[in-house]
N, C-alpha and C. Protein backbone atom coordinates (compact mmCIF):
# COMPACT_ATOMS: atom_id res chain seq x y z
N UNK A 1 0.56 -0.99 0.25
CA UNK A 1 0.04 0.31 0.11
C UNK A 1 1.17 0.99 0.05
N UNK A 2 0.42 2.43 -0.91
CA UNK A 2 1.09 3.57 -0.57
C UNK A 2 1.38 4.48 0.10
N UNK A 3 1.96 5.18 0.28
CA UNK A 3 1.87 6.18 1.48
C UNK A 3 0.48 6.80 1.64
N UNK A 4 -0.12 7.10 0.21
CA UNK A 4 -1.40 8.11 0.37
C UNK A 4 -2.39 7.00 0.78
N UNK A 5 -2.44 5.45 1.26
CA UNK A 5 -3.14 4.81 1.46
C UNK A 5 -4.07 4.02 0.07
N UNK A 6 -3.74 4.04 -0.85
CA UNK A 6 -3.97 3.10 -1.99
C UNK A 6 -3.09 2.10 -2.21
N UNK A 7 -4.01 1.11 -2.77
CA UNK A 7 -3.41 -0.27 -3.09
C UNK A 7 -2.50 -0.02 -3.91
N UNK A 8 -1.59 -0.48 -3.93
CA UNK A 8 -0.25 -0.82 -4.55
C UNK A 8 -0.48 -1.69 -6.04
N UNK A 9 -0.37 -0.55 -7.42
CA UNK A 9 -0.36 -1.16 -8.43
C UNK A 9 0.69 -2.24 -8.75
N UNK A 10 0.71 -3.19 -9.01
CA UNK A 10 1.61 -4.15 -9.40
C UNK A 10 2.79 -3.34 -10.53
N UNK A 11 2.27 -2.94 -11.41
CA UNK A 11 3.09 -2.19 -12.51
C UNK A 11 3.89 -0.89 -12.34
N UNK A 12 3.44 -0.40 -11.26
CA UNK A 12 3.73 0.86 -10.37
C UNK A 12 5.49 1.01 -10.94
N UNK A 13 6.08 1.85 -11.50
CA UNK A 13 7.38 2.18 -11.84
C UNK A 13 8.16 1.94 -10.26
N UNK A 14 9.19 1.56 -9.74
CA UNK A 14 9.94 1.49 -8.55
C UNK A 14 10.99 1.80 -8.71
N UNK A 15 11.88 2.89 -7.40
CA UNK A 15 12.81 3.24 -7.57
C UNK A 15 13.53 2.66 -6.45
N UNK A 16 14.98 2.87 -6.03
CA UNK A 16 15.88 2.66 -4.72
C UNK A 16 15.75 4.02 -3.98
N UNK A 17 15.44 4.06 -2.92
CA UNK A 17 15.72 5.74 -2.45
C UNK A 17 17.66 5.45 -1.76
N UNK A 18 18.15 6.46 -2.10
CA UNK A 18 19.70 6.62 -1.86
C UNK A 18 20.23 6.74 -0.71
N UNK A 19 18.75 6.72 0.25
CA UNK A 19 19.15 7.25 1.44
C UNK A 19 18.77 6.46 2.74
N UNK A 20 17.64 5.74 2.21
CA UNK A 20 17.14 4.40 3.24
C UNK A 20 17.53 3.14 2.60
N UNK A 21 17.84 2.89 1.23
CA UNK A 21 17.96 1.83 0.52
C UNK A 21 16.71 1.06 0.26
N UNK A 22 15.80 1.78 0.45
CA UNK A 22 14.51 0.85 0.32
C UNK A 22 14.13 1.22 -1.17
N UNK A 23 13.47 0.17 -1.93
CA UNK A 23 12.98 0.15 -3.05
C UNK A 23 11.35 0.63 -2.80
N UNK A 24 10.67 1.16 -3.68
CA UNK A 24 9.33 1.68 -3.49
C UNK A 24 8.65 2.54 -4.71
N UNK A 25 7.39 2.50 -4.84
CA UNK A 25 6.93 3.34 -6.01
C UNK A 25 7.47 4.65 -6.26
N UNK A 26 7.93 5.13 -7.60
CA UNK A 26 8.33 6.20 -7.77
C UNK A 26 7.12 7.36 -7.04
N UNK A 27 6.00 7.33 -7.28
CA UNK A 27 5.33 8.37 -6.68
C UNK A 27 5.76 8.87 -5.44
N UNK A 28 6.00 7.96 -4.54
CA UNK A 28 6.78 8.22 -2.78
C UNK A 28 8.19 8.64 -2.81
N UNK A 29 8.53 8.92 -3.84
CA UNK A 29 9.95 9.59 -4.27
C UNK A 29 10.11 11.10 -4.75
N UNK A 30 11.16 11.86 -4.58
CA UNK A 30 11.51 12.71 -5.32
C UNK A 30 12.63 12.58 -6.35
N UNK A 31 12.72 12.93 -7.13
CA UNK A 31 14.18 12.17 -8.01
C UNK A 31 14.82 13.97 -8.04
N UNK A 32 16.27 13.68 -8.47
CA UNK A 32 17.13 14.45 -8.37
C UNK A 32 17.75 14.49 -10.06
N UNK A 33 18.95 15.38 -10.39
CA UNK A 33 19.28 15.20 -11.35
C UNK A 33 20.56 16.27 -10.93
N UNK A 34 21.90 16.22 -11.39
CA UNK A 34 23.11 16.97 -11.57
C UNK A 34 22.77 17.82 -12.33
N UNK A 35 22.78 19.29 -12.15
CA UNK A 35 22.46 20.34 -13.83
C UNK A 35 23.80 20.40 -14.02
N UNK A 36 24.02 21.13 -15.64
CA UNK A 36 25.16 20.99 -16.16
C UNK A 36 26.59 21.64 -15.22
N UNK A 37 25.99 22.46 -14.66
CA UNK A 37 27.09 23.43 -13.60
C UNK A 37 27.33 22.44 -12.52
N UNK A 38 27.06 21.34 -12.44
CA UNK A 38 27.00 20.95 -10.89
C UNK A 38 26.28 20.97 -9.75
N UNK A 39 25.07 21.93 -10.09
CA UNK A 39 24.07 21.99 -9.06
C UNK A 39 23.27 20.90 -8.92
N UNK A 40 22.77 20.45 -7.59
CA UNK A 40 21.91 19.29 -7.28
C UNK A 40 20.39 20.42 -7.79
N UNK A 41 19.63 19.51 -8.48
CA UNK A 41 18.29 19.80 -9.19
C UNK A 41 17.24 19.12 -8.52
N UNK A 42 16.16 19.39 -7.68
CA UNK A 42 14.87 18.33 -7.53
C UNK A 42 13.76 18.57 -8.68
N UNK A 43 14.05 17.31 -9.09
CA UNK A 43 12.88 17.24 -10.20
C UNK A 43 11.37 16.67 -9.97
N UNK A 44 10.69 17.73 -9.37
CA UNK A 44 9.30 17.25 -8.94
C UNK A 44 8.72 17.23 -9.50
N UNK A 45 8.73 17.69 -10.98
CA UNK A 45 8.01 16.78 -12.12
C UNK A 45 8.34 15.45 -12.73
N UNK A 46 9.85 14.90 -12.22
CA UNK A 46 10.02 13.96 -13.43
C UNK A 46 10.17 14.17 -14.22
N UNK A 47 10.64 15.13 -14.71
CA UNK A 47 10.98 15.25 -16.55
C UNK A 47 12.35 15.96 -16.86
N UNK A 48 12.81 16.22 -15.69
CA UNK A 48 14.34 16.73 -16.26
C UNK A 48 15.45 16.18 -16.78
N UNK A 49 15.81 16.33 -17.74
CA UNK A 49 17.00 15.05 -18.58
C UNK A 49 17.92 14.99 -17.64
N UNK A 50 18.53 13.90 -17.99
CA UNK A 50 19.81 13.41 -17.25
C UNK A 50 19.64 12.30 -16.38
N UNK A 51 20.78 11.74 -15.93
CA UNK A 51 20.53 10.21 -15.11
C UNK A 51 19.68 10.91 -13.33
N UNK A 52 18.62 10.20 -13.66
CA UNK A 52 18.23 10.57 -11.89
C UNK A 52 18.35 9.42 -10.95
N UNK A 53 18.17 10.22 -9.63
CA UNK A 53 18.59 9.29 -8.46
C UNK A 53 17.41 10.01 -7.63
N UNK A 54 16.96 8.70 -6.96
CA UNK A 54 15.98 9.30 -5.87
C UNK A 54 16.16 9.20 -4.39
N UNK A 55 15.33 10.19 -3.65
CA UNK A 55 15.29 10.11 -2.10
C UNK A 55 13.70 9.98 -1.83
N UNK A 56 13.20 9.05 -0.49
CA UNK A 56 11.87 9.33 -0.43
C UNK A 56 11.68 10.81 0.08
N UNK A 57 10.48 10.56 -0.34
CA UNK A 57 9.84 12.15 0.93
C UNK A 57 9.62 12.42 2.00
N UNK A 58 10.46 12.25 2.61
CA UNK A 58 10.47 12.30 3.95
C UNK A 58 11.67 13.39 4.39
N UNK A 59 11.64 13.73 5.67
CA UNK A 59 12.42 15.05 5.81
C UNK A 59 13.71 14.39 6.56
N UNK A 60 13.28 13.21 7.22
CA UNK A 60 14.54 12.27 7.82
C UNK A 60 15.47 11.99 6.61
N UNK A 61 14.95 11.00 5.51
CA UNK A 61 15.62 10.69 4.33
C UNK A 61 16.49 11.82 3.88
N UNK A 62 15.97 12.84 3.60
CA UNK A 62 16.32 14.05 2.62
C UNK A 62 17.40 14.79 3.71
N UNK A 63 17.53 14.76 4.97
CA UNK A 63 18.50 15.47 5.58
C UNK A 63 19.72 14.58 6.00
N UNK A 64 19.62 13.18 5.60
CA UNK A 64 20.66 12.10 5.68
C UNK A 64 21.17 12.01 4.32
N UNK A 65 20.64 12.46 3.34
CA UNK A 65 21.14 12.68 2.23
C UNK A 65 22.24 13.66 1.68
N UNK A 66 21.83 14.54 2.30
CA UNK A 66 22.66 15.75 2.60
C UNK A 66 23.86 15.99 3.35
N UNK A 67 23.29 15.28 5.06
CA UNK A 67 24.52 15.32 5.63
C UNK A 67 25.76 14.19 5.14
N UNK A 68 24.97 12.90 4.91
CA UNK A 68 26.54 11.77 4.23
C UNK A 68 26.94 11.93 3.16
N UNK A 69 26.44 13.10 2.20
CA UNK A 69 27.07 13.53 0.93
C UNK A 69 26.47 12.44 -0.20
N UNK A 70 25.38 11.64 0.32
CA UNK A 70 24.77 10.80 -0.81
C UNK A 70 24.62 11.20 -2.38
N UNK A 71 24.24 12.60 -2.42
CA UNK A 71 24.09 13.27 -3.94
C UNK A 71 25.07 13.18 -4.35
N UNK A 72 26.18 13.38 -4.05
CA UNK A 72 27.29 13.55 -4.86
C UNK A 72 27.73 11.98 -5.33
N UNK A 73 27.39 11.11 -4.31
CA UNK A 73 27.71 9.79 -4.75
C UNK A 73 26.90 8.72 -5.59
N UNK A 74 25.66 9.41 -5.47
CA UNK A 74 24.51 8.93 -6.39
C UNK A 74 24.92 9.40 -8.10
N UNK A 75 25.42 10.43 -8.13
CA UNK A 75 25.42 11.69 -9.13
C UNK A 75 26.97 10.99 -9.88
N UNK A 76 27.81 10.19 -9.08
CA UNK A 76 29.01 9.97 -9.55
C UNK A 76 29.72 11.13 -9.58
N UNK A 77 29.40 11.74 -9.36
CA UNK A 77 30.17 13.38 -9.15
C UNK A 77 30.04 14.66 -8.45
N UNK A 78 31.01 15.38 -7.96
CA UNK A 78 30.72 16.32 -6.99
C UNK A 78 29.22 17.30 -7.03
N UNK A 79 28.25 17.49 -6.52
CA UNK A 79 27.59 18.20 -6.64
C UNK A 79 27.34 19.32 -5.50
N UNK A 80 26.71 20.48 -6.33
CA UNK A 80 26.74 21.27 -5.00
C UNK A 80 24.91 21.45 -4.68
N UNK A 81 24.93 21.30 -3.18
CA UNK A 81 23.49 21.17 -2.52
C UNK A 81 22.84 22.35 -2.36
N UNK A 82 21.91 23.16 -2.42
CA UNK A 82 21.38 24.27 -2.12
C UNK A 82 21.40 24.37 -0.49
N UNK A 83 21.72 25.23 0.38
CA UNK A 83 21.63 25.44 1.68
C UNK A 83 20.09 25.54 1.72
N UNK A 84 19.23 25.45 1.36
CA UNK A 84 18.17 25.58 1.84
C UNK A 84 17.09 24.38 0.88
N UNK A 85 17.47 23.91 0.73
CA UNK A 85 17.25 22.25 0.05
C UNK A 85 16.00 21.92 0.31
N UNK A 86 15.87 21.34 1.44
CA UNK A 86 14.64 20.75 2.08
C UNK A 86 13.66 21.69 1.87
N UNK A 87 13.41 23.10 2.52
CA UNK A 87 12.62 24.00 2.25
C UNK A 87 12.12 24.29 0.80
N UNK A 88 13.05 24.26 -0.12
CA UNK A 88 12.48 24.45 -1.48
C UNK A 88 11.83 23.60 -1.99
N UNK A 89 12.39 22.17 -1.48
CA UNK A 89 11.20 21.15 -2.00
C UNK A 89 9.68 21.23 -1.32
N UNK A 90 10.19 21.45 -0.34
CA UNK A 90 8.49 21.69 0.78
C UNK A 90 7.81 22.83 -0.03
N UNK A 91 8.42 24.25 -0.32
CA UNK A 91 7.36 24.87 -1.13
C UNK A 91 6.97 24.36 -2.27
N UNK A 92 7.93 24.02 -3.06
CA UNK A 92 7.52 23.61 -4.39
C UNK A 92 6.31 22.66 -4.13
N UNK A 93 6.63 21.35 -3.31
CA UNK A 93 5.27 20.47 -3.39
C UNK A 93 4.04 21.23 -2.96
N UNK A 94 4.26 21.91 -1.85
CA UNK A 94 2.77 22.91 -1.53
C UNK A 94 2.18 23.54 -2.47
N UNK A 95 2.99 24.40 -3.45
CA UNK A 95 2.71 24.70 -4.76
C UNK A 95 1.97 23.89 -5.46
N UNK A 96 2.58 22.79 -5.47
CA UNK A 96 2.29 22.09 -6.59
C UNK A 96 0.60 21.28 -6.50
N UNK A 97 0.75 20.89 -4.93
CA UNK A 97 -0.71 20.32 -4.40
C UNK A 97 -1.53 21.49 -4.77
N UNK A 98 -1.72 23.19 -4.27
CA UNK A 98 -2.47 23.55 -4.81
C UNK A 98 -2.63 24.15 -6.00
N UNK A 99 -1.69 23.96 -6.99
CA UNK A 99 -2.21 24.29 -8.33
C UNK A 99 -3.06 23.38 -8.86
N UNK A 100 -3.04 21.59 -8.14
CA UNK A 100 -3.73 20.89 -8.90
C UNK A 100 -4.91 21.19 -8.21
N UNK A 101 -5.02 21.24 -7.52
CA UNK A 101 -6.42 21.35 -6.28
C UNK A 101 -7.10 22.70 -7.16
N UNK A 102 -6.47 23.80 -7.64
CA UNK A 102 -6.78 24.99 -8.20
C UNK A 102 -7.05 24.17 -9.82
N UNK A 103 -6.87 22.96 -10.57
CA UNK A 103 -7.11 22.90 -11.70
C UNK A 103 -8.45 22.30 -11.39
N UNK A 104 -8.65 21.31 -10.21
CA UNK A 104 -9.74 20.65 -10.19
C UNK A 104 -10.63 21.71 -9.87
N UNK A 105 -10.54 22.57 -9.18
CA UNK A 105 -11.79 23.47 -8.86
C UNK A 105 -12.34 24.18 -10.27
N UNK A 106 -11.46 24.76 -11.25
CA UNK A 106 -11.94 25.26 -12.44
C UNK A 106 -12.65 24.05 -13.13
N UNK A 107 -12.15 22.81 -13.19
CA UNK A 107 -12.99 22.28 -13.76
C UNK A 107 -14.37 21.32 -13.01
N UNK A 108 -14.77 22.31 -12.09
CA UNK A 108 -15.91 21.63 -11.17
C UNK A 108 -15.80 20.54 -10.49
N UNK A 109 -14.56 20.16 -10.14
CA UNK A 109 -14.05 18.81 -9.04
C UNK A 109 -13.85 19.17 -7.87
N UNK A 110 -13.99 20.41 -7.60
CA UNK A 110 -13.53 20.75 -6.10
C UNK A 110 -14.14 21.92 -5.43
N UNK A 111 -14.53 21.59 -4.38
CA UNK A 111 -15.37 22.81 -3.59
C UNK A 111 -14.64 23.26 -2.15
N UNK A 112 -15.13 24.59 -1.86
CA UNK A 112 -14.65 24.62 -0.55
C UNK A 112 -16.01 25.49 0.36
N UNK A 113 -15.60 25.54 1.65
CA UNK A 113 -16.38 25.96 2.67
C UNK A 113 -17.46 24.85 3.36
N UNK A 114 -17.47 25.04 4.20
CA UNK A 114 -17.94 23.72 5.58
C UNK A 114 -19.61 23.74 4.57
N UNK A 115 -20.31 24.24 4.45
CA UNK A 115 -21.46 24.06 3.83
C UNK A 115 -21.45 23.12 2.53
N UNK A 116 -20.83 23.49 1.85
CA UNK A 116 -20.57 23.14 0.22
C UNK A 116 -19.88 21.12 0.66
N UNK A 117 -18.90 21.43 1.38
CA UNK A 117 -18.17 20.26 1.28
C UNK A 117 -18.78 19.29 2.23
N UNK A 118 -19.68 19.45 3.16
CA UNK A 118 -20.60 18.81 3.88
C UNK A 118 -21.69 18.38 2.67
N UNK A 119 -22.25 19.17 2.08
CA UNK A 119 -23.48 18.82 0.90
C UNK A 119 -22.97 17.82 0.22
N UNK A 120 -21.55 17.84 -0.24
CA UNK A 120 -20.87 17.14 -1.36
C UNK A 120 -20.68 15.67 -0.52
N UNK A 121 -20.38 15.20 0.82
CA UNK A 121 -19.95 14.30 1.87
C UNK A 121 -21.32 13.43 1.76
N UNK A 122 -22.29 14.38 2.04
CA UNK A 122 -23.86 13.86 2.23
C UNK A 122 -24.35 13.37 1.26
N UNK A 123 -24.12 13.63 -0.15
CA UNK A 123 -24.64 13.38 -1.28
C UNK A 123 -23.59 12.09 -1.98
N UNK A 124 -22.53 11.61 -1.44
CA UNK A 124 -21.83 10.78 -2.01
C UNK A 124 -21.04 11.59 -2.75
N UNK A 125 -20.95 12.68 -3.13
CA UNK A 125 -19.96 13.31 -4.31
C UNK A 125 -18.63 13.60 -4.27
N UNK A 126 -18.22 13.66 -2.84
CA UNK A 126 -17.25 14.00 -2.51
C UNK A 126 -16.33 12.78 -2.38
N UNK A 127 -14.82 12.60 -3.15
CA UNK A 127 -14.48 11.49 -3.33
C UNK A 127 -12.96 11.44 -1.85
N UNK A 128 -12.50 13.13 -1.81
CA UNK A 128 -11.25 13.02 -1.19
C UNK A 128 -11.68 14.44 -0.02
N UNK A 129 -11.83 14.15 1.27
CA UNK A 129 -12.10 15.52 1.97
C UNK A 129 -10.27 16.36 2.45
N UNK A 130 -10.54 17.40 2.59
CA UNK A 130 -9.32 18.41 2.49
C UNK A 130 -9.69 19.13 3.68
N UNK A 131 -8.84 19.37 4.34
CA UNK A 131 -8.57 20.20 5.55
C UNK A 131 -7.31 20.84 5.84
N UNK A 132 -7.30 22.00 6.30
CA UNK A 132 -5.79 22.68 7.04
C UNK A 132 -5.19 22.22 8.21
N UNK A 133 -4.17 22.06 7.56
CA UNK A 133 -3.59 21.52 9.03
C UNK A 133 -3.41 22.39 10.22
N UNK A 134 -3.91 23.57 9.83
CA UNK A 134 -3.78 24.83 11.25
C UNK A 134 -5.23 25.21 11.63
N UNK A 135 -6.22 24.43 10.78
CA UNK A 135 -7.54 24.90 11.27
C UNK A 135 -7.70 24.25 12.62
N UNK A 136 -8.97 24.80 13.13
CA UNK A 136 -9.73 24.40 14.66
C UNK A 136 -9.90 22.88 14.56
N UNK A 137 -9.31 22.29 15.57
CA UNK A 137 -9.55 20.97 15.45
C UNK A 137 -11.11 20.41 15.55
N UNK A 138 -11.88 21.08 16.80
CA UNK A 138 -13.10 21.27 16.82
C UNK A 138 -13.89 21.43 15.49
N UNK A 139 -13.83 22.54 15.02
CA UNK A 139 -14.43 22.68 13.83
C UNK A 139 -14.21 21.50 12.47
N UNK A 140 -12.82 20.89 12.40
CA UNK A 140 -12.54 20.61 11.75
C UNK A 140 -13.16 18.70 11.98
N UNK A 141 -13.55 18.66 13.43
CA UNK A 141 -13.93 17.37 13.78
C UNK A 141 -15.56 17.06 13.38
N UNK A 142 -16.22 18.15 12.73
CA UNK A 142 -17.73 18.39 12.30
C UNK A 142 -17.76 17.30 10.76
N UNK A 143 -16.70 17.21 9.96
CA UNK A 143 -16.90 16.59 8.99
C UNK A 143 -15.80 15.01 9.01
N UNK A 144 -16.31 13.88 8.42
CA UNK A 144 -15.07 13.02 8.17
C UNK A 144 -15.26 12.42 6.97
N UNK A 145 -13.97 11.74 6.43
CA UNK A 145 -13.73 11.36 5.24
C UNK A 145 -14.33 10.56 4.85
N UNK A 146 -15.03 10.41 3.39
CA UNK A 146 -16.00 9.35 3.28
C UNK A 146 -15.81 7.68 3.51
N UNK A 147 -14.22 7.52 3.32
CA UNK A 147 -13.93 6.12 3.37
C UNK A 147 -12.30 5.99 4.42
N UNK A 148 -12.18 7.03 5.25
CA UNK A 148 -11.19 6.38 6.15
C UNK A 148 -9.75 7.31 5.36
N UNK A 149 -8.60 7.01 6.17
CA UNK A 149 -7.34 7.78 6.04
C UNK A 149 -6.98 7.52 4.42
N UNK A 150 -7.40 7.05 3.57
CA UNK A 150 -7.01 7.08 1.88
C UNK A 150 -7.82 7.99 1.37
N UNK A 151 -9.16 8.85 2.18
CA UNK A 151 -9.68 9.80 1.47
C UNK A 151 -9.56 11.06 2.22
N UNK A 152 -8.38 11.72 2.85
CA UNK A 152 -8.38 12.67 3.52
C UNK A 152 -6.73 12.90 3.52
N UNK A 153 -6.65 14.68 3.06
CA UNK A 153 -5.59 15.61 2.78
C UNK A 153 -5.75 16.28 4.09
N UNK A 154 -4.72 16.24 4.57
CA UNK A 154 -4.38 17.20 6.03
C UNK A 154 -3.13 17.97 6.14
N UNK A 155 -2.49 17.95 4.86
CA UNK A 155 -1.06 18.68 4.81
C UNK A 155 -0.94 20.39 4.70
N UNK A 156 -2.23 21.11 3.89
CA UNK A 156 -1.75 22.16 3.69
C UNK A 156 -2.11 23.17 4.63
N UNK A 157 -2.08 24.09 5.04
CA UNK A 157 -1.94 25.29 5.50
C UNK A 157 -3.82 26.10 4.82
N UNK A 158 -4.44 26.79 5.62
CA UNK A 158 -4.99 27.12 5.52
C UNK A 158 -4.98 28.87 4.39
N UNK A 159 -3.77 28.97 4.62
CA UNK A 159 -3.40 30.02 3.41
C UNK A 159 -3.22 29.68 2.00
N UNK A 160 -2.45 28.28 2.13
CA UNK A 160 -2.02 27.75 0.88
C UNK A 160 -3.58 26.90 0.20
N UNK A 161 -4.47 26.23 1.09
CA UNK A 161 -5.95 26.18 0.58
C UNK A 161 -6.31 27.36 -0.11
N UNK A 162 -6.48 28.64 0.72
CA UNK A 162 -6.75 29.64 0.29
C UNK A 162 -6.48 30.15 -1.22
N UNK A 163 -5.00 29.66 -1.61
CA UNK A 163 -4.26 29.89 -2.93
C UNK A 163 -4.80 29.09 -3.85
N UNK A 164 -5.22 27.49 -3.44
CA UNK A 164 -5.61 26.79 -4.48
C UNK A 164 -7.37 26.88 -4.94
N UNK A 165 -8.12 27.86 -3.91
CA UNK A 165 -9.37 28.28 -4.06
C UNK A 165 -9.77 29.81 -4.44
N UNK A 166 -8.65 30.07 -4.57
CA UNK A 166 -8.83 31.87 -4.98
C UNK A 166 -9.19 32.44 -3.71
N UNK A 167 -8.84 32.35 -2.52
CA UNK A 167 -9.38 32.83 -1.24
C UNK A 167 -8.51 33.19 -0.44
N UNK A 168 -8.70 33.96 0.89
CA UNK A 168 -7.37 34.40 1.50
C UNK A 168 -7.00 33.20 2.27
N UNK A 169 -8.40 32.37 3.12
CA UNK A 169 -7.78 30.91 3.74
C UNK A 169 -8.92 30.25 3.39
N UNK A 170 -8.50 28.88 3.71
CA UNK A 170 -9.87 28.01 3.77
C UNK A 170 -9.52 27.13 4.63
N UNK A 171 -10.18 26.24 5.11
CA UNK A 171 -10.21 25.24 6.19
C UNK A 171 -10.78 23.51 5.65
N UNK A 172 -12.10 23.83 5.06
CA UNK A 172 -12.59 22.63 4.39
C UNK A 172 -12.74 22.94 2.68
N UNK A 173 -12.24 21.49 2.50
CA UNK A 173 -12.35 21.72 1.06
C UNK A 173 -12.67 20.32 0.88
N UNK A 174 -12.86 19.82 -0.81
CA UNK A 174 -13.32 18.39 -0.96
C UNK A 174 -13.31 17.87 -2.86
N UNK A 175 -12.72 17.00 -2.91
CA UNK A 175 -12.34 16.64 -4.32
C UNK A 175 -13.69 15.89 -4.87
N UNK A 176 -14.21 15.64 -5.96
CA UNK A 176 -14.86 14.76 -6.20
C UNK A 176 -14.33 13.83 -7.66
N UNK A 177 -14.63 12.61 -7.58
CA UNK A 177 -14.11 11.69 -8.86
C UNK A 177 -13.39 12.70 -10.04
N UNK A 178 -12.37 12.61 -10.67
CA UNK A 178 -11.99 13.08 -11.53
C UNK A 178 -10.65 12.76 -12.01
N UNK A 179 -9.97 13.36 -13.60
CA UNK A 179 -8.50 13.03 -13.52
C UNK A 179 -7.64 13.69 -12.89
N UNK A 180 -8.24 14.46 -12.39
CA UNK A 180 -6.70 15.16 -11.40
C UNK A 180 -6.78 14.27 -10.08
N UNK A 181 -8.10 14.05 -9.57
CA UNK A 181 -7.77 13.17 -8.31
C UNK A 181 -6.91 12.49 -7.79
N UNK A 182 -6.33 11.43 -8.66
CA UNK A 182 -4.92 10.48 -8.45
C UNK A 182 -3.77 11.45 -8.24
N UNK A 183 -3.93 12.22 -9.27
CA UNK A 183 -2.49 13.28 -9.22
C UNK A 183 -2.34 14.02 -7.79
N UNK A 184 -3.45 14.77 -7.29
CA UNK A 184 -3.58 15.42 -6.11
C UNK A 184 -3.38 14.56 -5.12
N UNK A 185 -3.84 13.28 -4.81
CA UNK A 185 -3.75 12.42 -3.47
C UNK A 185 -1.99 11.69 -3.59
N UNK A 186 -1.33 11.70 -4.91
CA UNK A 186 -0.10 11.57 -4.85
C UNK A 186 0.71 12.37 -4.45
N UNK A 187 0.43 13.85 -5.06
CA UNK A 187 1.61 14.81 -4.53
C UNK A 187 1.10 15.15 -2.89
N UNK A 188 -0.17 15.31 -2.77
CA UNK A 188 -0.38 15.22 -1.19
C UNK A 188 0.58 14.95 -0.28
N UNK A 189 0.33 13.10 -0.73
CA UNK A 189 1.00 12.28 -0.05
C UNK A 189 2.74 12.43 0.17
N UNK A 190 2.83 12.70 -0.95
CA UNK A 190 5.19 13.22 -0.80
C UNK A 190 4.58 14.35 -0.07
N UNK A 191 4.00 15.59 -0.30
CA UNK A 191 4.08 16.31 0.75
C UNK A 191 3.76 16.35 2.09
N UNK A 192 2.80 15.27 2.58
CA UNK A 192 2.73 14.75 3.76
C UNK A 192 3.72 14.19 4.61
N UNK A 193 4.41 13.06 3.75
CA UNK A 193 5.71 12.85 3.98
C UNK A 193 6.66 13.87 4.36
N UNK A 194 7.19 14.79 3.43
CA UNK A 194 7.88 15.68 4.31
C UNK A 194 7.70 16.41 5.42
N UNK A 195 6.35 16.41 5.56
CA UNK A 195 6.10 17.48 6.43
C UNK A 195 5.53 16.70 8.08
N UNK A 196 5.96 15.50 8.21
CA UNK A 196 5.50 14.71 8.99
C UNK A 196 4.39 14.55 9.21
N UNK A 197 3.00 14.68 8.51
CA UNK A 197 1.76 14.37 8.55
C UNK A 197 1.33 13.36 8.67
N UNK A 198 0.54 13.07 9.57
CA UNK A 198 0.16 11.00 9.55
C UNK A 198 -1.21 11.12 8.91
N UNK A 199 -1.60 10.17 8.05
CA UNK A 199 -3.16 10.13 7.61
C UNK A 199 -3.77 9.98 8.79
N UNK A 200 -5.15 10.59 8.54
CA UNK A 200 -6.22 10.47 9.94
C UNK A 200 -7.23 9.76 9.33
N UNK A 201 -7.65 9.25 10.40
CA UNK A 201 -8.78 8.22 10.10
C UNK A 201 -10.23 9.09 10.45
N UNK A 202 -11.38 8.30 9.94
CA UNK A 202 -12.45 9.30 10.12
C UNK A 202 -12.60 9.92 11.20
N UNK A 203 -13.26 10.98 11.10
CA UNK A 203 -13.26 11.73 12.55
C UNK A 203 -14.70 11.57 13.22
N UNK A 204 -14.83 11.68 14.45
CA UNK A 204 -16.17 12.01 15.22
C UNK A 204 -16.61 13.37 15.00
N UNK A 205 -17.93 13.25 14.77
CA UNK A 205 -18.63 15.00 14.77
C UNK A 205 -18.58 15.33 16.04
N UNK A 206 -18.48 16.65 16.43
CA UNK A 206 -18.32 17.42 17.40
C UNK A 206 -19.72 17.63 17.68
N UNK A 207 -20.38 17.21 19.04
CA UNK A 207 -21.77 17.96 19.49
C UNK A 207 -22.23 19.37 19.35
N UNK A 208 -20.91 20.06 19.62
CA UNK A 208 -20.96 21.90 19.46
C UNK A 208 -20.95 21.90 18.31
N UNK A 209 -21.37 23.46 17.90
CA UNK A 209 -21.43 23.81 16.55
C UNK A 209 -20.21 25.14 16.61
N UNK A 210 -19.53 24.94 15.43
CA UNK A 210 -18.42 25.85 14.79
C UNK A 210 -18.22 26.67 14.25
N UNK A 211 -17.48 27.45 14.02
CA UNK A 211 -17.60 28.61 12.73
C UNK A 211 -17.58 28.15 11.74
N UNK A 212 -18.11 28.37 10.54
CA UNK A 212 -18.05 28.18 8.95
C UNK A 212 -17.56 28.95 8.47
N UNK A 213 -16.49 28.45 7.14
CA UNK A 213 -15.87 29.09 6.29
C UNK A 213 -16.87 29.02 5.23
N UNK A 214 -17.16 30.25 5.00
CA UNK A 214 -18.57 30.42 3.64
C UNK A 214 -17.86 29.88 2.31
């Protein structure tokens, strides 16, 4: 089973993490290449030319790769590692997840706001529940994912979700079935691994009322 909670497909490409030594699906790894000037380049889209090497999308694995000089060893040449490499990757992944959610919203496959999300959940239209990591736990407990941990994204902040939905801050969002669904889940799983955000099971409903982000 992948980090996002989905069943592993047998023909998913796999690669070995240079830090942990584990072989796992590419979806849970970050690809790197050595640039023409010897600089280390994170390849979040997996499309840069050159021989790639991989690190699990986990802060501890990346920190080990940096501290032990594993990038130069994997590249078979000396590479220059940006001092803010991990923060750079984290910002890039957060922006990618937000951009994919924004694309889903424009395609009519995503909504935000407590009322709209609750309506989608009740109608069975929501496939994935999205909630801000820094939102009120009492308020977030009013909604439950449609089917447990594999249908919940909780690694984005309210500001980052706001960017996705064209608003200042967003606490609740939902994704319907569609072509972008799997891509959002995969990228969110990589970001969650980097931010050490654990998948959350279905939430209990709180008896008290909370404020609604309209």
